[in-house]
Amino acid sequence: MVNSRLEAPAVAVLGGGGGGAAAVRACAGCGGRIADRFLLFSMECYWHTRCLKCSCCHAQLGEFSSICYSKGGMILCKNDYIRLFGHSGACSACGQSIPASELVMRAQGSVYHLKCFSCATCRNRLVPGDRFHYVNGTIFCEQDRPGAALVALQGGSIMADQKVC
């Protein structure tokens, strides 16, 4: 069973998918009858071992030692969970801890709380799809990008324009 709180994520491997009428189960992935020797139980559903896949990279999660995570209706491998939802760590803007279960924003290797990912000038929060500029570790919305003279005065360089994905 998947534990979305991340304390001990796991997939239960159950035997006897091919037994009598009482053992017939439908796969949550393909909808087909599970007649395999083994079936998986994850997210309160039964799965063929070949059908339990990561929602992002489509890696099969039905192998015996695989760990999967569930969040936002997605089933994720460990790598994609960490990529999408971040590690426990500190927010690059406020310095406070970010729980592993919290959604985050990332820019140039830095991690931010959603509420902290905002323009340094106008303080407007940036959301996925917004264009922004990352200058010397500081985030600016498209309207508030410092001019070239200001950046040259500070001795910094402007990174390529970024887009929140």
C-alpha atoms as a PDB file:
ATOM      1  CA  MET A   1       0.000   0.000   0.000  1.00  0.00           C
ATOM      2  CA  VAL A   2       1.278   3.485  -0.779  1.00  0.00           C
ATOM      3  CA  ASN A   3       1.803   5.732   2.176  1.00  0.00           C
ATOM      4  CA  SER A   4       1.532   9.284   0.900  1.00  0.00           C
ATOM      5  CA  ARG A   5       2.880  10.664   4.197  1.00  0.00           C
ATOM      6  CA  LEU A   6       6.263   9.190   3.289  1.00  0.00           C
ATOM      7  CA  GLU A   7       6.925   7.478   6.614  1.00  0.00           C
ATOM      8  CA  ALA A   8       7.284   4.012   5.079  1.00  0.00           C
ATOM      9  CA  PRO A   9       6.077   3.990   1.485  1.00  0.00           C
ATOM     10  CA  ALA A  10       5.481   0.539   0.054  1.00  0.00           C
ATOM     11  CA  VAL A  11       3.509  -1.559  -2.338  1.00  0.00           C
ATOM     12  CA  ALA A  12       1.804  -4.667  -0.998  1.00  0.00           C
ATOM     13  CA  VAL A  13       2.472  -7.720  -3.143  1.00  0.00           C
ATOM     14  CA  LEU A  14      -0.353 -10.219  -2.843  1.00  0.00           C
ATOM     15  CA  GLY A  15      -0.490 -13.779  -4.134  1.00  0.00           C
ATOM     16  CA  GLY A  16      -3.357 -15.707  -5.600  1.00  0.00           C
ATOM     17  CA  GLY A  17      -4.639 -13.477  -8.373  1.00  0.00           C
ATOM     18  CA  GLY A  18      -5.560 -16.525 -10.425  1.00  0.00           C
ATOM     19  CA  GLY A  19      -7.643 -18.322  -7.770  1.00  0.00           C
ATOM     20  CA  GLY A  20     -11.380 -18.965  -7.695  1.00  0.00           C
ATOM     21  CA  ALA A  21     -14.221 -16.559  -8.429  1.00  0.00           C
ATOM     22  CA  ALA A  22     -13.771 -14.803  -5.086  1.00  0.00           C
ATOM     23  CA  ALA A  23     -10.171 -13.900  -6.026  1.00  0.00           C
ATOM     24  CA  VAL A  24     -11.034 -12.213  -9.356  1.00  0.00           C
ATOM     25  CA  ARG A  25      -9.986  -8.570  -9.257  1.00  0.00           C
ATOM     26  CA  ALA A  26      -9.957  -5.784 -11.840  1.00  0.00           C
ATOM     27  CA  CYS A  27      -6.733  -3.849 -12.472  1.00  0.00           C
ATOM     28  CA  ALA A  28      -6.951  -0.120 -11.717  1.00  0.00           C
ATOM     29  CA  GLY A  29      -4.477   0.538 -14.543  1.00  0.00           C
ATOM     30  CA  CYS A  30      -5.918  -1.309 -17.526  1.00  0.00           C
ATOM     31  CA  GLY A  31      -9.314  -2.402 -16.192  1.00  0.00           C
ATOM     32  CA  GLY A  32      -8.584  -6.004 -17.113  1.00  0.00           C
ATOM     33  CA  ARG A  33      -9.062  -9.067 -14.981  1.00  0.00           C
ATOM     34  CA  ILE A  34      -6.048  -9.908 -12.813  1.00  0.00           C
ATOM     35  CA  ALA A  35      -5.279 -13.593 -13.329  1.00  0.00           C
ATOM     36  CA  ASP A  36      -1.538 -13.262 -12.671  1.00  0.00           C
ATOM     37  CA  ARG A  37       0.124 -15.231  -9.914  1.00  0.00           C
ATOM     38  CA  PHE A  38       0.852 -11.947  -8.103  1.00  0.00           C
ATOM     39  CA  LEU A  39      -1.049  -8.686  -7.939  1.00  0.00           C
ATOM     40  CA  LEU A  40      -0.288  -5.388  -6.283  1.00  0.00           C
ATOM     41  CA  PHE A  41      -2.368  -3.368  -3.868  1.00  0.00           C
ATOM     42  CA  SER A  42      -1.611   0.354  -3.934  1.00  0.00           C
ATOM     43  CA  MET A  43      -3.743   3.469  -3.424  1.00  0.00           C
ATOM     44  CA  GLU A  44      -6.616   1.248  -2.275  1.00  0.00           C
ATOM     45  CA  CYS A  45      -6.673  -0.457  -5.693  1.00  0.00           C
ATOM     46  CA  TYR A  46      -5.414  -3.681  -7.248  1.00  0.00           C
ATOM     47  CA  TRP A  47      -2.916  -3.635 -10.115  1.00  0.00           C
ATOM     48  CA  HIS A  48      -1.184  -5.997 -12.522  1.00  0.00           C
ATOM     49  CA  THR A  49       2.547  -5.829 -11.823  1.00  0.00           C
ATOM     50  CA  ARG A  50       3.050  -4.438 -15.344  1.00  0.00           C
ATOM     51  CA  CYS A  51       0.358  -1.735 -14.947  1.00  0.00           C
ATOM     52  CA  LEU A  52       1.564   0.044 -11.806  1.00  0.00           C
ATOM     53  CA  LYS A  53       3.677   2.795 -13.386  1.00  0.00           C
ATOM     54  CA  CYS A  54       4.991   6.217 -12.455  1.00  0.00           C
ATOM     55  CA  SER A  55       2.657   8.946 -13.745  1.00  0.00           C
ATOM     56  CA  CYS A  56       5.649  10.995 -14.960  1.00  0.00           C
ATOM     57  CA  CYS A  57       8.364   8.714 -16.318  1.00  0.00           C
ATOM     58  CA  HIS A  58       6.195   5.588 -16.772  1.00  0.00           C
ATOM     59  CA  ALA A  59       8.737   3.391 -14.983  1.00  0.00           C
ATOM     60  CA  GLN A  60       7.184   0.137 -13.801  1.00  0.00           C
ATOM     61  CA  LEU A  61       6.741   0.190 -10.047  1.00  0.00           C
ATOM     62  CA  GLY A  62       5.592  -3.394  -9.701  1.00  0.00           C
ATOM     63  CA  GLU A  63       8.995  -4.857  -9.003  1.00  0.00           C
ATOM     64  CA  PHE A  64       9.433  -6.392  -5.567  1.00  0.00           C
ATOM     65  CA  SER A  65      11.682  -3.713  -4.068  1.00  0.00           C
ATOM     66  CA  SER A  66      10.097  -0.711  -5.783  1.00  0.00           C
ATOM     67  CA  ILE A  67       8.775   2.121  -3.688  1.00  0.00           C
ATOM     68  CA  CYS A  68       6.074   4.404  -4.962  1.00  0.00           C
ATOM     69  CA  TYR A  69       4.497   7.579  -3.692  1.00  0.00           C
ATOM     70  CA  SER A  70       1.053   9.043  -4.133  1.00  0.00           C
ATOM     71  CA  LYS A  71       0.199  12.729  -4.243  1.00  0.00           C
ATOM     72  CA  GLY A  72      -2.369  14.744  -6.147  1.00  0.00           C
ATOM     73  CA  GLY A  73      -3.884  11.638  -7.710  1.00  0.00           C
ATOM     74  CA  MET A  74      -0.544  10.655  -9.239  1.00  0.00           C
ATOM     75  CA  ILE A  75       1.528   7.553  -8.577  1.00  0.00           C
ATOM     76  CA  LEU A  76       5.204   8.475  -8.629  1.00  0.00           C
ATOM     77  CA  CYS A  77       8.594   6.815  -8.405  1.00  0.00           C
ATOM     78  CA  LYS A  78      10.932   8.205  -5.752  1.00  0.00           C
ATOM     79  CA  ASN A  79      12.938  10.307  -8.231  1.00  0.00           C
ATOM     80  CA  ASP A  80       9.878  12.006  -9.703  1.00  0.00           C
ATOM     81  CA  TYR A  81       8.332  12.566  -6.278  1.00  0.00           C
ATOM     82  CA  ILE A  82      11.480  14.344  -5.118  1.00  0.00           C
ATOM     83  CA  ARG A  83      11.762  16.264  -8.405  1.00  0.00           C
ATOM     84  CA  LEU A  84       8.169  17.498  -8.176  1.00  0.00           C
ATOM     85  CA  PHE A  85       7.734  17.992  -4.460  1.00  0.00           C
ATOM     86  CA  GLY A  86      11.268  18.564  -3.208  1.00  0.00           C
ATOM     87  CA  HIS A  87      13.378  17.346  -0.330  1.00  0.00           C
ATOM     88  CA  SER A  88      13.082  18.492   3.218  1.00  0.00           C
ATOM     89  CA  GLY A  89      15.356  21.472   3.395  1.00  0.00           C
ATOM     90  CA  ALA A  90      15.376  25.201   3.761  1.00  0.00           C
ATOM     91  CA  CYS A  91      13.593  27.750   1.571  1.00  0.00           C
ATOM     92  CA  SER A  92      16.098  29.914  -0.310  1.00  0.00           C
ATOM     93  CA  ALA A  93      14.001  33.025   0.366  1.00  0.00           C
ATOM     94  CA  CYS A  94      12.951  32.784   4.032  1.00  0.00           C
ATOM     95  CA  GLY A  95      15.388  30.149   5.297  1.00  0.00           C
ATOM     96  CA  GLN A  96      12.652  28.170   7.051  1.00  0.00           C
ATOM     97  CA  SER A  97      12.252  24.413   6.766  1.00  0.00           C
ATOM     98  CA  ILE A  98      10.292  22.890   3.885  1.00  0.00           C
ATOM     99  CA  PRO A  99       8.534  19.609   4.727  1.00  0.00           C
ATOM    100  CA  ALA A 100       9.054  16.849   2.160  1.00  0.00           C
ATOM    101  CA  SER A 101       5.305  16.646   1.592  1.00  0.00           C
ATOM    102  CA  GLU A 102       4.961  20.335   0.640  1.00  0.00           C
ATOM    103  CA  LEU A 103       4.849  21.567  -2.954  1.00  0.00           C
ATOM    104  CA  VAL A 104       7.826  23.737  -3.894  1.00  0.00           C
ATOM    105  CA  MET A 105       9.084  26.009  -6.647  1.00  0.00           C
ATOM    106  CA  ARG A 106      12.626  25.647  -8.024  1.00  0.00           C
ATOM    107  CA  ALA A 107      14.949  28.032  -9.854  1.00  0.00           C
ATOM    108  CA  GLN A 108      18.630  27.467 -10.711  1.00  0.00           C
ATOM    109  CA  GLY A 109      18.973  24.757  -8.067  1.00  0.00           C
ATOM    110  CA  SER A 110      17.292  26.765  -5.307  1.00  0.00           C
ATOM    111  CA  VAL A 111      14.074  25.610  -3.626  1.00  0.00           C
ATOM    112  CA  TYR A 112      11.286  27.906  -2.392  1.00  0.00           C
ATOM    113  CA  HIS A 113       7.980  27.671  -0.526  1.00  0.00           C
ATOM    114  CA  LEU A 114       5.157  28.495  -2.956  1.00  0.00           C
ATOM    115  CA  LYS A 115       4.381  31.650  -0.970  1.00  0.00           C
ATOM    116  CA  CYS A 116       8.047  32.738  -1.060  1.00  0.00           C
ATOM    117  CA  PHE A 117       8.539  32.391  -4.810  1.00  0.00           C
ATOM    118  CA  SER A 118       7.856  36.052  -5.573  1.00  0.00           C
ATOM    119  CA  CYS A 119       9.331  39.090  -7.267  1.00  0.00           C
ATOM    120  CA  ALA A 120      11.933  40.879  -5.123  1.00  0.00           C
ATOM    121  CA  THR A 121      10.616  44.275  -6.254  1.00  0.00           C
ATOM    122  CA  CYS A 122       6.804  44.117  -6.331  1.00  0.00           C
ATOM    123  CA  ARG A 123       6.424  40.993  -4.117  1.00  0.00           C
ATOM    124  CA  ASN A 124       3.872  39.462  -6.519  1.00  0.00           C
ATOM    125  CA  ARG A 125       3.876  35.697  -6.212  1.00  0.00           C
ATOM    126  CA  LEU A 126       4.922  33.828  -9.350  1.00  0.00           C
ATOM    127  CA  VAL A 127       2.950  30.785 -10.440  1.00  0.00           C
ATOM    128  CA  PRO A 128       3.545  28.087 -13.056  1.00  0.00           C
ATOM    129  CA  GLY A 129       3.482  29.671 -16.514  1.00  0.00           C
ATOM    130  CA  ASP A 130       4.790  33.070 -15.352  1.00  0.00           C
ATOM    131  CA  ARG A 131       8.032  34.284 -16.901  1.00  0.00           C
ATOM    132  CA  PHE A 132      10.667  35.537 -14.513  1.00  0.00           C
ATOM    133  CA  HIS A 133      14.293  36.611 -14.378  1.00  0.00           C
ATOM    134  CA  TYR A 134      16.877  35.170 -12.021  1.00  0.00           C
ATOM    135  CA  VAL A 135      19.604  37.744 -11.386  1.00  0.00           C
ATOM    136  CA  ASN A 136      22.396  37.047  -8.883  1.00  0.00           C
ATOM    137  CA  GLY A 137      20.173  34.660  -6.934  1.00  0.00           C
ATOM    138  CA  THR A 138      17.204  37.054  -6.883  1.00  0.00           C
ATOM    139  CA  ILE A 139      13.868  36.505  -8.622  1.00  0.00           C
ATOM    140  CA  PHE A 140      12.148  39.292 -10.579  1.00  0.00           C
ATOM    141  CA  CYS A 141       8.883  39.235 -12.491  1.00  0.00           C
ATOM    142  CA  GLU A 142       9.036  40.147 -16.163  1.00  0.00           C
ATOM    143  CA  GLN A 143       7.982  43.760 -15.498  1.00  0.00           C
ATOM    144  CA  ASP A 144      10.535  44.393 -12.730  1.00  0.00           C
ATOM    145  CA  ARG A 145      13.714  42.999 -14.304  1.00  0.00           C
ATOM    146  CA  PRO A 146      16.588  45.274 -13.372  1.00  0.00           C
ATOM    147  CA  GLY A 147      18.027  47.244 -16.271  1.00  0.00           C
ATOM    148  CA  ALA A 148      21.416  46.344 -17.742  1.00  0.00           C
ATOM    149  CA  ALA A 149      23.050  49.387 -16.099  1.00  0.00           C
ATOM    150  CA  LEU A 150      21.959  48.268 -12.630  1.00  0.00           C
ATOM    151  CA  VAL A 151      23.257  44.752 -13.157  1.00  0.00           C
ATOM    152  CA  ALA A 152      26.578  46.072 -14.528  1.00  0.00           C
ATOM    153  CA  LEU A 153      26.889  48.397 -11.522  1.00  0.00           C
ATOM    154  CA  GLN A 154      26.489  45.419  -9.177  1.00  0.00           C
ATOM    155  CA  GLY A 155      29.062  43.453 -11.171  1.00  0.00           C
ATOM    156  CA  GLY A 156      26.680  40.577 -11.780  1.00  0.00           C
ATOM    157  CA  SER A 157      25.479  38.848 -14.851  1.00  0.00           C
ATOM    158  CA  ILE A 158      21.952  38.165 -16.019  1.00  0.00           C
ATOM    159  CA  MET A 159      21.048  34.528 -16.331  1.00  0.00           C
ATOM    160  CA  ALA A 160      18.898  33.419 -19.253  1.00  0.00           C
ATOM    161  CA  ASP A 161      15.209  34.194 -18.878  1.00  0.00           C
ATOM    162  CA  GLN A 162      13.340  31.514 -16.965  1.00  0.00           C
ATOM    163  CA  LYS A 163       9.791  30.280 -17.142  1.00  0.00           C
ATOM    164  CA  VAL A 164       8.009  28.689 -14.207  1.00  0.00           C
ATOM    165  CA  CYS A 165       6.946  25.178 -15.287  1.00  0.00           C
END
